[in-house]
Amino acid sequence: MAARSTNRIDVFPFETEGAILNGAPIWDLNDNRFYNGATFDGFVDRPRQQASAAMEYFTRLGGNDHQVKFGIDWQRMESTSSFRYPSDRLYYMFGFNPQTRDLCAFATTGPNCAEQFLYDEYDPEPSISKGKQTAFYVRDRFTLGPRVTIEGGVRMEKQTGTSDVGAGTVDTWSFSPRLSGSYALTPDARTILVGSAGRFHDGILQGFSDAFASVPQQTNRDIFIFNTGTNVYDFLLRDTAAESNFRPDLGISPRHMDEVTFGVQHQLNNQLGVGGRFIWRKWGSFIDDVMFFNEDGTDNRTVANVDEASRDYRGFELTVDKRFGNNWAAMASYTWSRSRGNHFADAFTGLRDFEDATCGQQADAGLGTATLDPDTGETWFLFPCSEVQSRLYGTPTFDRPHMLKFSGSYRRPIGAFDVTAGFVGMALSSASYSKSRTVSVLSPDTFEQFQTLTYFYDGRGSDRVSGLTFVGDLALEGVYRAFRRSEVGVKFETFNLFNNEDKINTNNTNWCNSDSTAACQQALSSFGKATTRAQFNAPRTYRVSFLIRF
């Protein structure tokens, strides 16, 4: 199998009629507005090429049947970003008139023409990072007597990546073993014990290589100044971004997840079965950036596998499955689960950032020690940034301790027509949220703000929206069997059938230890409230589809 896919987003000026200077934007320094052209013209492209092949071999060894599968996967990715100004230029002028769009010549000025000043000519090169993954796997499925089935395998994967200047960003090997098996407790195999264990590695996202870009967009430029004597622009200077001190570490390894499952399945009859399963997962080798101050007070940034990062999951699932028979089918499951940790992102987080620095904020008098900024006279409340780190552990927003899912369908043939009704429902715990505040990381010597971090007063996920969220969807379908293998019909669907618009989250999470200020009083009174539409279940909606199947 081979395939190629792409995900491209193009952005270009919508209206260019009447534009001058080839549509370049003009920044009027009098009113601080942009005229004449758009401030963005470019694209983002993520092409991917992929190929895979596999072979299965059936044999009998030691009196047991073996089904061996070999396979190889290959992928090549690119990440292209091109952010430009139209014509790669940005003009600075005074008094631009969008009606006349005239430019004053030489040293003249007037109400209907713009006084020319400067223009920037930006480097147009796009930023292109590349990545490649090659994996080989082998799996053997075999039986040990009439009751035992074992499946073992291993996946070995090589991943490399380069930045937009060809520098190496990723160079890793991963080794992922896995094992699963089942044991029939009864001769008729109606009751089966099942279990599995394995280590699974994530591929390092291409965005990781993008983070080390050395071809900045809309940044490096030549600056030209208008010469009122010659009526032309003269070169003034070259302005480029400072070299980044953020460097890749080719010694990093991809994030992995260890998983163990154990359960039992029981077949009640030919159509009905029940089961229970315990799931344990633990993640490790998180890739993150670590920010800190150098001895001279400048900030620094490195990338590493952060040992302090943690995430685990425990869950227990009960299932009932009624296969299609007598014109109907149904399924129901209940899952209890718990997720905990201090790292829940696929990208860089604030973990371990500025552990030895001083943090501060100006709103909550109950968080930190009051200190006067000698330069501005403002009061800051200061505390060690290590307190931010100690409160990162807790519950993620996606943690759902209770989840009940159920679905069912009924099909009724009526002559040449088939009528089907289906229902899908789910009841689950609402989202967790945290008493939090954005705080600033301050320079070792001054009150200059280098970065912001999120401070959790009582740890991550200290609160949860009460109750369970319930949503049910209904579908009705009628089709006519027009020909032997063709159907024509209509399908009617209702989403959120009972129009349940309960609160499922909150957008007010600011907190204060003290209510001495009006801002903190407002934060405390609104904490946990939902004031935007996104924090509630979407209202009932309908959809009608006309079907042709063949």
Protein backbone atom coordinates (compact mmCIF):
# COMPACT_ATOMS: atom_id res chain seq x y z
CA MET A 1 0.00 0.00 0.00
CA ALA A 2 1.25 3.48 -0.87
CA ALA A 3 -0.41 6.85 -0.42
CA ARG A 4 0.20 10.56 -0.40
CA SER A 5 -1.82 13.12 1.50
CA THR A 6 -1.53 16.82 2.12
CA ASN A 7 -3.10 19.38 4.36
CA ARG A 8 -2.63 22.83 2.88
CA ILE A 9 -4.05 26.16 3.98
CA ASP A 10 -3.64 29.15 1.66
CA VAL A 11 -4.14 32.73 2.79
CA PHE A 12 -4.05 35.57 0.28
CA PRO A 13 -5.39 39.12 -0.07
CA PHE A 14 -9.15 39.13 -0.69
CA GLU A 15 -9.48 42.56 -2.31
CA THR A 16 -6.68 44.10 -4.38
CA GLU A 17 -8.59 46.44 -6.68
CA GLY A 18 -7.13 49.93 -6.62
CA ALA A 19 -4.07 48.89 -4.60
CA ILE A 20 -0.76 50.61 -5.25
CA LEU A 21 2.81 49.39 -4.73
CA ASN A 22 1.79 45.90 -5.92
CA GLY A 23 -0.59 45.49 -3.01
CA ALA A 24 2.00 45.98 -0.27
CA PRO A 25 0.54 47.06 3.12
CA ILE A 26 1.03 50.66 4.22
CA TRP A 27 1.25 51.41 7.94
CA ASP A 28 0.02 54.94 8.61
CA LEU A 29 2.03 56.15 11.60
CA ASN A 30 -0.49 58.91 12.25
CA ASP A 31 -3.48 56.69 13.08
CA ASN A 32 -1.60 53.38 13.54
CA ARG A 33 -3.69 51.59 10.91
CA PHE A 34 -2.84 49.44 7.90
CA TYR A 35 -4.05 50.40 4.42
CA ASN A 36 -3.77 49.34 0.79
CA GLY A 37 -2.82 45.68 1.27
CA ALA A 38 -3.08 42.69 3.57
CA THR A 39 -0.50 42.02 6.26
CA PHE A 40 -0.35 38.33 5.42
CA ASP A 41 0.10 36.36 2.19
CA GLY A 42 1.25 32.77 2.43
CA PHE A 43 0.43 29.16 3.16
CA VAL A 44 0.97 26.23 5.48
CA ASP A 45 1.50 22.84 3.86
CA ARG A 46 1.88 19.42 5.52
CA PRO A 47 2.44 16.81 2.77
CA ARG A 48 2.94 13.19 3.82
CA GLN A 49 4.03 10.17 1.82
CA GLN A 50 3.43 6.71 3.21
CA ALA A 51 3.99 3.10 2.17
CA SER A 52 3.51 -0.20 3.94
CA ALA A 53 3.80 -3.88 3.15
CA ALA A 54 3.08 -7.05 5.09
CA MET A 55 3.34 -10.80 4.68
CA GLU A 56 1.75 -13.63 6.67
CA TYR A 57 3.16 -17.11 7.04
CA PHE A 58 1.18 -20.06 8.37
CA THR A 59 3.04 -23.03 9.79
CA ARG A 60 2.90 -25.71 12.46
CA LEU A 61 5.66 -25.92 15.05
CA GLY A 62 5.83 -28.24 18.03
CA GLY A 63 2.34 -29.48 17.32
CA ASN A 64 0.86 -25.95 17.47
CA ASP A 65 -0.49 -23.72 14.72
CA HIS A 66 1.44 -20.46 14.17
CA GLN A 67 0.35 -17.43 12.21
CA VAL A 68 3.41 -15.20 11.70
CA LYS A 69 3.14 -11.73 10.23
CA PHE A 70 6.02 -9.51 9.07
CA GLY A 71 5.55 -5.90 8.06
CA ILE A 72 7.25 -2.62 7.30
CA ASP A 73 5.90 0.93 7.49
CA TRP A 74 7.56 4.00 5.97
CA GLN A 75 6.57 7.65 6.16
CA ARG A 76 8.10 10.90 4.99
CA MET A 77 6.74 14.22 6.22
CA GLU A 78 7.34 17.87 5.48
CA SER A 79 6.14 20.95 7.29
CA THR A 80 6.22 24.14 5.22
CA SER A 81 5.31 27.59 6.51
CA SER A 82 5.43 30.64 4.29
CA PHE A 83 4.31 33.86 6.00
CA ARG A 84 4.91 36.87 3.76
CA TYR A 85 3.74 40.39 3.13
CA PRO A 86 2.34 41.02 -0.36
CA SER A 87 5.36 41.94 -2.50
CA ASP A 88 7.48 41.12 0.60
CA ARG A 89 7.30 44.76 1.62
CA LEU A 90 5.83 46.84 4.43
CA TYR A 91 5.70 50.62 3.97
CA TYR A 92 5.63 53.24 6.74
CA MET A 93 4.01 56.58 5.89
CA PHE A 94 2.23 59.56 7.41
CA GLY A 95 -1.28 60.68 6.44
CA PHE A 96 -2.24 58.01 3.91
CA ASN A 97 -5.54 58.78 2.18
CA PRO A 98 -7.31 55.52 1.22
CA GLN A 99 -9.57 57.39 -1.21
CA THR A 100 -6.87 59.00 -3.36
CA ARG A 101 -3.98 56.60 -2.53
CA ASP A 102 -1.56 59.26 -3.73
CA LEU A 103 2.04 59.53 -2.49
CA CYS A 104 3.72 62.86 -1.95
CA ALA A 105 6.74 63.43 -4.19
CA PHE A 106 10.08 64.74 -2.90
CA ALA A 107 9.55 66.85 0.25
CA THR A 108 6.02 67.97 -0.54
CA THR A 109 3.11 67.35 1.83
CA GLY A 110 -0.63 67.64 1.46
CA PRO A 111 -3.97 66.38 2.77
CA ASN A 112 -4.53 64.08 -0.21
CA CYS A 113 -1.13 62.44 -0.43
CA ALA A 114 0.92 60.39 2.02
CA GLU A 115 4.32 61.49 3.28
CA GLN A 116 6.72 58.64 2.53
CA PHE A 117 9.14 57.51 5.23
CA LEU A 118 10.46 53.90 5.22
CA TYR A 119 9.84 50.48 3.81
CA ASP A 120 11.00 47.03 4.93
CA GLU A 121 11.86 44.36 2.38
CA TYR A 122 11.57 40.93 4.00
CA ASP A 123 13.33 37.71 3.09
CA PRO A 124 10.75 35.54 1.26
CA GLU A 125 12.17 32.05 1.95
CA PRO A 126 9.71 29.61 3.54
CA SER A 127 10.52 27.52 6.59
CA ILE A 128 10.61 23.79 5.73
CA SER A 129 11.30 21.01 8.21
CA LYS A 130 11.42 17.34 7.24
CA GLY A 131 10.94 14.02 8.97
CA LYS A 132 11.13 10.33 8.21
CA GLN A 133 9.90 7.20 10.02
CA THR A 134 10.71 3.60 9.17
CA ALA A 135 9.33 0.73 11.22
CA PHE A 136 9.63 -3.05 11.06
CA TYR A 137 7.38 -5.36 13.04
CA VAL A 138 6.87 -9.09 13.51
CA ARG A 139 4.00 -10.86 15.25
CA ASP A 140 3.33 -14.50 16.00
CA ARG A 141 -0.11 -15.78 16.92
CA PHE A 142 -0.22 -19.39 18.05
CA THR A 143 -2.18 -21.85 20.18
CA LEU A 144 -1.06 -23.95 23.10
CA GLY A 145 -3.53 -26.77 23.26
CA PRO A 146 -7.27 -26.31 22.84
CA ARG A 147 -7.69 -23.51 25.40
CA VAL A 148 -4.72 -21.15 25.18
CA THR A 149 -4.03 -18.57 22.48
CA ILE A 150 -0.90 -16.39 22.62
CA GLU A 151 0.07 -13.44 20.45
CA GLY A 152 3.49 -11.85 20.83
CA GLY A 153 5.26 -9.26 18.77
CA VAL A 154 7.72 -6.44 18.60
CA ARG A 155 7.90 -3.20 16.66
CA MET A 156 11.23 -1.47 15.95
CA GLU A 157 11.11 2.08 14.63
CA LYS A 158 13.67 4.59 13.42
CA GLN A 159 12.73 8.29 13.27
CA THR A 160 14.80 11.18 12.00
CA GLY A 161 14.05 14.86 11.49
CA THR A 162 15.72 18.03 10.29
CA SER A 163 15.02 21.73 10.79
CA ASP A 164 14.51 24.28 8.03
CA VAL A 165 18.30 24.68 7.63
CA GLY A 166 18.95 20.95 7.45
CA ALA A 167 20.20 20.60 11.03
CA GLY A 168 19.32 17.35 12.77
CA THR A 169 16.48 17.59 15.29
CA VAL A 170 15.43 13.96 15.80
CA ASP A 171 17.45 10.75 15.63
CA THR A 172 15.83 7.97 17.67
CA TRP A 173 15.33 4.24 17.81
CA SER A 174 12.41 2.69 19.67
CA PHE A 175 11.77 -0.92 20.62
CA SER A 176 8.16 -1.79 21.47
CA PRO A 177 7.38 -5.33 22.66
CA ARG A 178 3.83 -6.53 23.31
CA LEU A 179 2.14 -9.71 24.44
CA SER A 180 -1.49 -10.78 24.68
CA GLY A 181 -3.28 -14.02 25.37
CA SER A 182 -6.51 -15.75 26.25
CA TYR A 183 -7.45 -18.84 28.22
CA ALA A 184 -10.77 -20.65 27.95
CA LEU A 185 -12.02 -21.56 31.41
CA THR A 186 -14.62 -23.99 30.06
CA PRO A 187 -14.39 -26.64 27.34
CA ASP A 188 -16.99 -24.83 25.23
CA ALA A 189 -14.92 -21.59 25.45
CA ARG A 190 -17.92 -19.58 26.61
CA THR A 191 -15.89 -18.05 29.46
CA ILE A 192 -12.49 -16.67 28.56
CA LEU A 193 -9.75 -14.93 30.53
CA VAL A 194 -7.94 -12.29 28.47
CA GLY A 195 -4.89 -10.19 29.18
CA SER A 196 -2.24 -8.08 27.49
CA ALA A 197 0.92 -6.14 28.25
CA GLY A 198 3.07 -3.94 26.09
CA ARG A 199 5.06 -0.80 25.58
CA PHE A 200 3.92 1.63 22.88
CA HIS A 201 5.94 4.59 21.62
CA ASP A 202 4.54 7.81 20.18
CA GLY A 203 6.08 9.26 17.08
CA ILE A 204 7.71 12.64 17.73
CA LEU A 205 5.43 15.21 16.10
CA GLN A 206 6.77 17.19 13.16
CA GLY A 207 5.97 20.34 15.11
CA PHE A 208 8.91 19.45 17.35
CA SER A 209 11.31 20.05 14.43
CA ASP A 210 9.42 23.25 13.58
CA ALA A 211 10.30 24.58 17.04
CA PHE A 212 13.96 24.82 15.98
CA ALA A 213 13.27 26.92 12.87
CA SER A 214 16.12 29.18 11.80
CA VAL A 215 14.34 30.79 8.85
CA PRO A 216 12.04 33.23 10.66
CA GLN A 217 9.02 34.48 8.77
CA GLN A 218 8.31 38.21 8.35
CA THR A 219 11.42 38.94 10.43
CA ASN A 220 14.75 39.33 8.57
CA ARG A 221 14.64 42.48 6.46
CA ASP A 222 16.43 45.24 4.59
CA ILE A 223 15.28 48.71 5.62
CA PHE A 224 15.09 51.52 3.05
CA ILE A 225 14.52 55.22 3.86
CA PHE A 226 12.86 57.72 1.55
CA ASN A 227 15.21 60.34 0.11
CA THR A 228 13.22 63.57 -0.31
CA GLY A 229 15.95 64.99 -2.51
CA THR A 230 16.02 62.23 -5.13
CA ASN A 231 12.45 60.94 -4.65
CA VAL A 232 13.71 57.34 -4.26
CA TYR A 233 14.28 54.99 -1.35
CA ASP A 234 17.88 54.43 -0.26
CA PHE A 235 19.21 51.40 1.61
CA LEU A 236 19.55 52.17 5.31
CA LEU A 237 20.46 48.95 7.17
CA ARG A 238 20.02 45.19 7.48
CA ASP A 239 17.99 43.90 10.44
CA THR A 240 17.98 40.20 11.35
CA ALA A 241 16.73 38.16 14.28
CA ALA A 242 19.25 37.22 16.94
CA GLU A 243 20.46 33.64 16.76
CA SER A 244 18.34 31.41 18.97
CA ASN A 245 19.98 29.59 21.85
CA PHE A 246 17.34 26.86 21.62
CA ARG A 247 19.09 23.79 20.26
CA PRO A 248 17.85 20.25 19.61
CA ASP A 249 19.16 17.31 21.60
CA LEU A 250 19.61 14.23 19.41
CA GLY A 251 19.81 12.12 22.55
CA ILE A 252 16.11 12.43 23.37
CA SER A 253 13.80 9.43 23.04
CA PRO A 254 10.10 9.39 22.09
CA ARG A 255 7.39 9.30 24.73
CA HIS A 256 6.20 5.81 25.61
CA MET A 257 3.19 4.25 27.29
CA ASP A 258 3.24 1.00 29.25
CA GLU A 259 -0.11 -0.80 29.34
CA VAL A 260 -1.41 -3.85 31.19
CA THR A 261 -4.95 -5.18 30.83
CA PHE A 262 -6.76 -8.13 32.41
CA GLY A 263 -10.34 -9.23 31.99
CA VAL A 264 -12.96 -11.91 31.51
CA GLN A 265 -15.54 -12.45 28.76
CA HIS A 266 -18.59 -14.68 28.99
CA GLN A 267 -21.00 -15.72 26.24
CA LEU A 268 -24.53 -16.14 27.58
CA ASN A 269 -25.98 -17.38 24.29
CA ASN A 270 -25.31 -17.10 20.56
CA GLN A 271 -26.25 -13.40 20.57
CA LEU A 272 -25.48 -12.06 24.04
CA GLY A 273 -22.17 -11.62 25.84
CA VAL A 274 -20.83 -9.77 28.87
CA GLY A 275 -17.34 -8.79 29.92
CA GLY A 276 -15.18 -6.95 32.39
CA ARG A 277 -11.69 -5.53 31.94
CA PHE A 278 -9.14 -3.67 34.07
CA ILE A 279 -6.76 -1.25 32.32
CA TRP A 280 -3.54 0.27 33.69
CA ARG A 281 -1.42 2.74 31.73
CA LYS A 282 1.65 4.76 32.63
CA TRP A 283 3.52 7.20 30.41
CA GLY A 284 7.20 8.11 30.50
CA SER A 285 10.03 9.85 28.60
CA PHE A 286 8.03 13.04 28.09
CA ILE A 287 9.75 15.52 25.79
CA ASP A 288 9.59 19.08 27.06
CA ASP A 289 11.48 22.33 26.98
CA VAL A 290 13.14 23.59 30.17
CA MET A 291 13.62 27.33 30.69
CA PHE A 292 16.01 28.89 33.18
CA PHE A 293 18.22 31.91 33.78
CA ASN A 294 21.94 31.96 33.09
CA GLU A 295 24.35 33.36 35.63
CA ASP A 296 24.42 36.69 33.75
CA GLY A 297 20.61 37.03 34.05
CA THR A 298 19.79 36.11 30.44
CA ASP A 299 17.22 33.42 29.82
CA ASN A 300 18.02 30.04 28.32
CA ARG A 301 16.03 27.14 26.94
CA THR A 302 16.87 23.48 26.41
CA VAL A 303 14.93 20.40 25.34
CA ALA A 304 15.06 17.11 27.24
CA ASN A 305 13.24 14.00 28.37
CA VAL A 306 11.90 15.34 31.66
CA ASP A 307 12.10 12.70 34.40
CA GLU A 308 9.74 14.66 36.64
CA ALA A 309 6.90 14.42 34.10
CA SER A 310 4.23 11.86 34.96
CA ARG A 311 0.85 10.60 33.79
CA ASP A 312 -1.07 7.46 34.65
CA TYR A 313 -4.50 5.99 34.00
CA ARG A 314 -6.53 3.32 35.72
CA GLY A 315 -9.86 2.10 34.47
CA PHE A 316 -12.39 -0.69 34.87
CA GLU A 317 -14.89 -1.43 32.13
CA LEU A 318 -18.07 -3.53 32.11
CA THR A 319 -19.72 -4.39 28.80
CA VAL A 320 -22.92 -6.01 27.55
CA ASP A 321 -23.14 -6.77 23.84
CA LYS A 322 -26.22 -8.10 22.07
CA ARG A 323 -25.37 -8.96 18.47
CA PHE A 324 -27.85 -8.38 15.68
CA GLY A 325 -30.60 -10.99 15.78
CA ASN A 326 -34.39 -10.98 15.60
CA ASN A 327 -34.12 -7.58 13.90
CA TRP A 328 -32.38 -5.77 16.75
CA ALA A 329 -28.97 -5.19 18.35
CA ALA A 330 -27.78 -3.35 21.46
CA MET A 331 -24.62 -2.51 23.37
CA ALA A 332 -23.94 -0.94 26.76
CA SER A 333 -20.78 -0.23 28.72
CA TYR A 334 -19.81 1.42 31.97
CA THR A 335 -16.29 2.67 32.65
CA TRP A 336 -14.81 3.92 35.88
CA SER A 337 -11.46 5.62 35.34
CA ARG A 338 -8.95 7.91 36.94
CA SER A 339 -6.20 9.99 35.28
CA ARG A 340 -3.49 11.72 37.30
CA GLY A 341 -0.19 13.42 36.56
CA ASN A 342 1.53 16.71 35.83
CA HIS A 343 1.99 16.49 32.04
CA PHE A 344 -1.03 16.16 29.73
CA ALA A 345 0.13 17.87 26.53
CA ASP A 346 1.70 16.66 23.29
CA ALA A 347 3.83 19.80 23.07
CA PHE A 348 5.96 21.87 25.44
CA THR A 349 4.56 22.81 28.86
CA GLY A 350 5.62 24.86 31.88
CA LEU A 351 6.97 21.84 33.77
CA ARG A 352 10.43 22.55 35.27
CA ASP A 353 10.49 26.07 33.80
CA PHE A 354 12.35 28.64 35.94
CA GLU A 355 12.45 26.41 39.02
CA ASP A 356 15.03 28.64 40.76
CA ALA A 357 13.53 31.99 39.70
CA THR A 358 11.18 34.42 41.41
CA CYS A 359 7.55 34.67 40.33
CA GLY A 360 5.12 37.46 41.05
CA GLN A 361 1.66 38.90 40.45
CA GLN A 362 -0.13 42.11 41.34
CA ALA A 363 -3.74 41.05 42.01
CA ASP A 364 -3.85 38.64 44.97
CA ALA A 365 -2.43 39.97 48.24
CA GLY A 366 -2.74 36.47 49.68
CA LEU A 367 -0.24 34.97 47.23
CA GLY A 368 3.35 36.04 47.86
CA THR A 369 5.17 38.73 49.82
CA ALA A 370 4.43 42.38 49.07
CA THR A 371 7.45 44.07 47.45
CA LEU A 372 7.76 47.55 45.94
CA ASP A 373 9.17 47.97 42.43
CA PRO A 374 11.68 50.84 42.90
CA ASP A 375 11.40 51.93 39.26
CA THR A 376 7.62 52.15 38.93
CA GLY A 377 6.43 52.28 42.53
CA GLU A 378 4.05 49.38 41.86
CA THR A 379 3.47 46.66 44.43
CA TRP A 380 4.29 43.10 43.49
CA PHE A 381 3.56 39.95 45.50
CA LEU A 382 6.58 37.69 45.09
CA PHE A 383 7.14 33.98 45.77
CA PRO A 384 9.50 31.24 44.51
CA CYS A 385 8.56 29.80 41.10
CA SER A 386 9.21 26.37 42.60
CA GLU A 387 5.78 26.73 44.23
CA VAL A 388 4.26 26.75 40.73
CA GLN A 389 6.00 23.45 39.96
CA SER A 390 4.84 21.78 43.17
CA ARG A 391 1.18 22.40 42.25
CA LEU A 392 1.18 21.03 38.70
CA TYR A 393 0.19 17.51 39.74
CA GLY A 394 -3.47 16.61 39.69
CA THR A 395 -6.43 15.83 37.45
CA PRO A 396 -6.61 16.83 33.76
CA THR A 397 -9.68 18.49 32.29
CA PHE A 398 -10.44 15.39 30.19
CA ASP A 399 -10.63 13.08 33.23
CA ARG A 400 -14.09 11.48 33.42
CA PRO A 401 -14.47 9.16 36.45
CA HIS A 402 -17.83 7.78 35.28
CA MET A 403 -18.89 7.06 31.71
CA LEU A 404 -21.98 5.12 30.64
CA LYS A 405 -22.53 4.42 26.94
CA PHE A 406 -25.41 2.60 25.30
CA SER A 407 -26.74 2.13 21.80
CA GLY A 408 -29.37 0.10 20.04
CA SER A 409 -30.99 -0.37 16.67
CA TYR A 410 -34.11 -2.03 15.29
CA ARG A 411 -34.62 -2.96 11.64
CA ARG A 412 -37.98 -3.85 10.12
CA PRO A 413 -38.39 -5.02 6.51
CA ILE A 414 -41.76 -4.04 4.99
CA GLY A 415 -42.00 -5.45 1.52
CA ALA A 416 -39.41 -3.72 -0.63
CA PHE A 417 -38.72 -1.18 2.14
CA ASP A 418 -36.39 -1.36 5.12
CA VAL A 419 -37.10 0.83 8.15
CA THR A 420 -34.37 1.22 10.79
CA ALA A 421 -34.41 3.11 14.08
CA GLY A 422 -31.28 3.71 16.13
CA PHE A 423 -30.42 5.41 19.40
CA VAL A 424 -27.03 6.32 20.89
CA GLY A 425 -26.72 7.70 24.41
CA MET A 426 -23.96 8.67 26.79
CA ALA A 427 -23.84 9.83 30.39
CA LEU A 428 -20.48 10.96 31.73
CA SER A 429 -18.90 13.05 34.45
CA SER A 430 -18.45 16.71 33.69
CA ALA A 431 -15.08 18.41 33.29
CA SER A 432 -12.69 19.27 36.08
CA TYR A 433 -11.22 22.74 36.52
CA SER A 434 -8.72 24.46 38.77
CA LYS A 435 -8.37 27.45 41.07
CA SER A 436 -5.67 29.20 39.08
CA ARG A 437 -3.94 32.44 38.22
CA THR A 438 -1.43 33.58 35.60
CA VAL A 439 1.80 34.73 37.24
CA SER A 440 4.94 36.33 35.83
CA VAL A 441 8.50 35.04 35.91
CA LEU A 442 10.68 38.02 36.90
CA SER A 443 14.27 38.84 36.02
CA PRO A 444 16.79 37.91 38.74
CA ASP A 445 17.82 41.56 39.07
CA THR A 446 14.74 43.60 38.13
CA PHE A 447 10.98 43.31 37.85
CA GLU A 448 11.20 42.69 34.10
CA GLN A 449 8.76 39.95 33.04
CA PHE A 450 10.34 37.15 31.01
CA GLN A 451 7.54 34.59 30.86
CA THR A 452 4.19 33.66 32.34
CA LEU A 453 3.20 30.46 34.16
CA THR A 454 -0.07 29.10 35.52
CA TYR A 455 -0.30 28.80 39.30
CA PHE A 456 -2.76 26.23 40.68
CA TYR A 457 -3.81 27.16 44.20
CA ASP A 458 -4.99 23.67 45.19
CA GLY A 459 -3.31 21.61 42.48
CA ARG A 460 -4.53 20.81 38.99
CA GLY A 461 -8.19 19.82 38.68
CA SER A 462 -9.15 20.81 42.21
CA ASP A 463 -12.84 21.28 41.31
CA ARG A 464 -15.36 19.60 39.05
CA VAL A 465 -18.68 20.61 37.52
CA SER A 466 -21.29 18.69 39.49
CA GLY A 467 -23.49 15.94 38.11
CA LEU A 468 -23.43 13.78 35.00
CA THR A 469 -23.83 15.07 31.47
CA PHE A 470 -26.35 13.13 29.37
CA VAL A 471 -26.71 13.29 25.60
CA GLY A 472 -28.86 11.06 23.38
CA ASP A 473 -29.10 10.95 19.58
CA LEU A 474 -31.90 9.38 17.52
CA ALA A 475 -31.82 8.25 13.89
CA LEU A 476 -34.67 7.02 11.67
CA GLU A 477 -33.97 5.62 8.21
CA GLY A 478 -36.19 4.32 5.46
CA VAL A 479 -34.83 2.88 2.23
CA TYR A 480 -36.36 1.28 -0.86
CA ARG A 481 -34.54 -1.62 -2.48
CA ALA A 482 -34.71 -0.30 -6.02
CA PHE A 483 -32.55 -3.02 -7.51
CA ARG A 484 -30.91 -6.16 -6.22
CA ARG A 485 -27.90 -4.32 -4.79
CA SER A 486 -29.08 -0.72 -4.67
CA GLU A 487 -31.05 1.29 -2.14
CA VAL A 488 -32.67 4.72 -2.26
CA GLY A 489 -34.01 6.40 0.84
CA VAL A 490 -34.00 9.12 3.43
CA LYS A 491 -32.45 9.40 6.89
CA PHE A 492 -33.63 11.70 9.67
CA GLU A 493 -31.35 12.39 12.65
CA THR A 494 -31.86 14.30 15.89
CA PHE A 495 -28.79 15.20 17.93
CA ASN A 496 -29.27 15.88 21.65
CA LEU A 497 -32.77 14.46 21.42
CA PHE A 498 -33.90 15.69 24.85
CA ASN A 499 -32.36 19.16 24.33
CA ASN A 500 -30.19 18.86 27.43
CA GLU A 501 -28.20 22.10 27.63
CA ASP A 502 -26.62 21.52 31.04
CA LYS A 503 -23.40 23.17 32.08
CA ILE A 504 -20.42 20.94 31.24
CA ASN A 505 -17.46 23.25 31.94
CA THR A 506 -16.52 26.71 33.18
CA ASN A 507 -14.58 29.62 31.77
CA ASN A 508 -14.05 31.43 35.09
CA THR A 509 -11.14 29.83 36.93
CA ASN A 510 -9.30 32.85 38.39
CA TRP A 511 -8.91 32.59 42.15
CA CYS A 512 -7.56 34.67 45.03
CA ASN A 513 -6.48 33.85 48.57
CA SER A 514 -7.42 37.38 49.61
CA ASP A 515 -10.50 39.47 48.84
CA SER A 516 -8.82 42.80 49.65
CA THR A 517 -9.14 44.14 46.10
CA ALA A 518 -12.12 44.64 43.82
CA ALA A 519 -10.50 42.40 41.19
CA CYS A 520 -10.21 39.53 43.65
CA GLN A 521 -13.74 40.05 44.92
CA GLN A 522 -14.96 39.76 41.34
CA ALA A 523 -12.82 36.66 40.74
CA LEU A 524 -14.12 34.91 43.85
CA SER A 525 -17.76 35.71 43.09
CA SER A 526 -17.55 34.45 39.49
CA PHE A 527 -15.30 31.42 40.08
CA GLY A 528 -16.73 28.26 38.60
CA LYS A 529 -19.46 30.02 36.66
CA ALA A 530 -20.08 29.45 32.97
CA THR A 531 -20.66 32.62 30.98
CA THR A 532 -20.08 31.51 27.36
CA ARG A 533 -22.09 29.24 25.09
CA ALA A 534 -19.19 26.77 24.74
CA GLN A 535 -19.50 25.78 28.41
CA PHE A 536 -22.93 24.20 27.87
CA ASN A 537 -24.20 21.28 25.84
CA ALA A 538 -25.09 22.27 22.30
CA PRO A 539 -28.88 22.55 21.78
CA ARG A 540 -30.90 20.01 19.84
CA THR A 541 -30.20 19.95 16.11
CA TYR A 542 -31.66 18.05 13.16
CA ARG A 543 -30.31 16.63 9.95
CA VAL A 544 -32.02 15.08 6.93
CA SER A 545 -30.00 13.06 4.39
CA PHE A 546 -31.05 11.56 1.10
CA LEU A 547 -29.34 8.22 0.44
CA ILE A 548 -28.29 6.25 -2.59
CA ARG A 549 -26.41 3.04 -1.85
CA PHE A 550 -25.08 0.58 -4.36
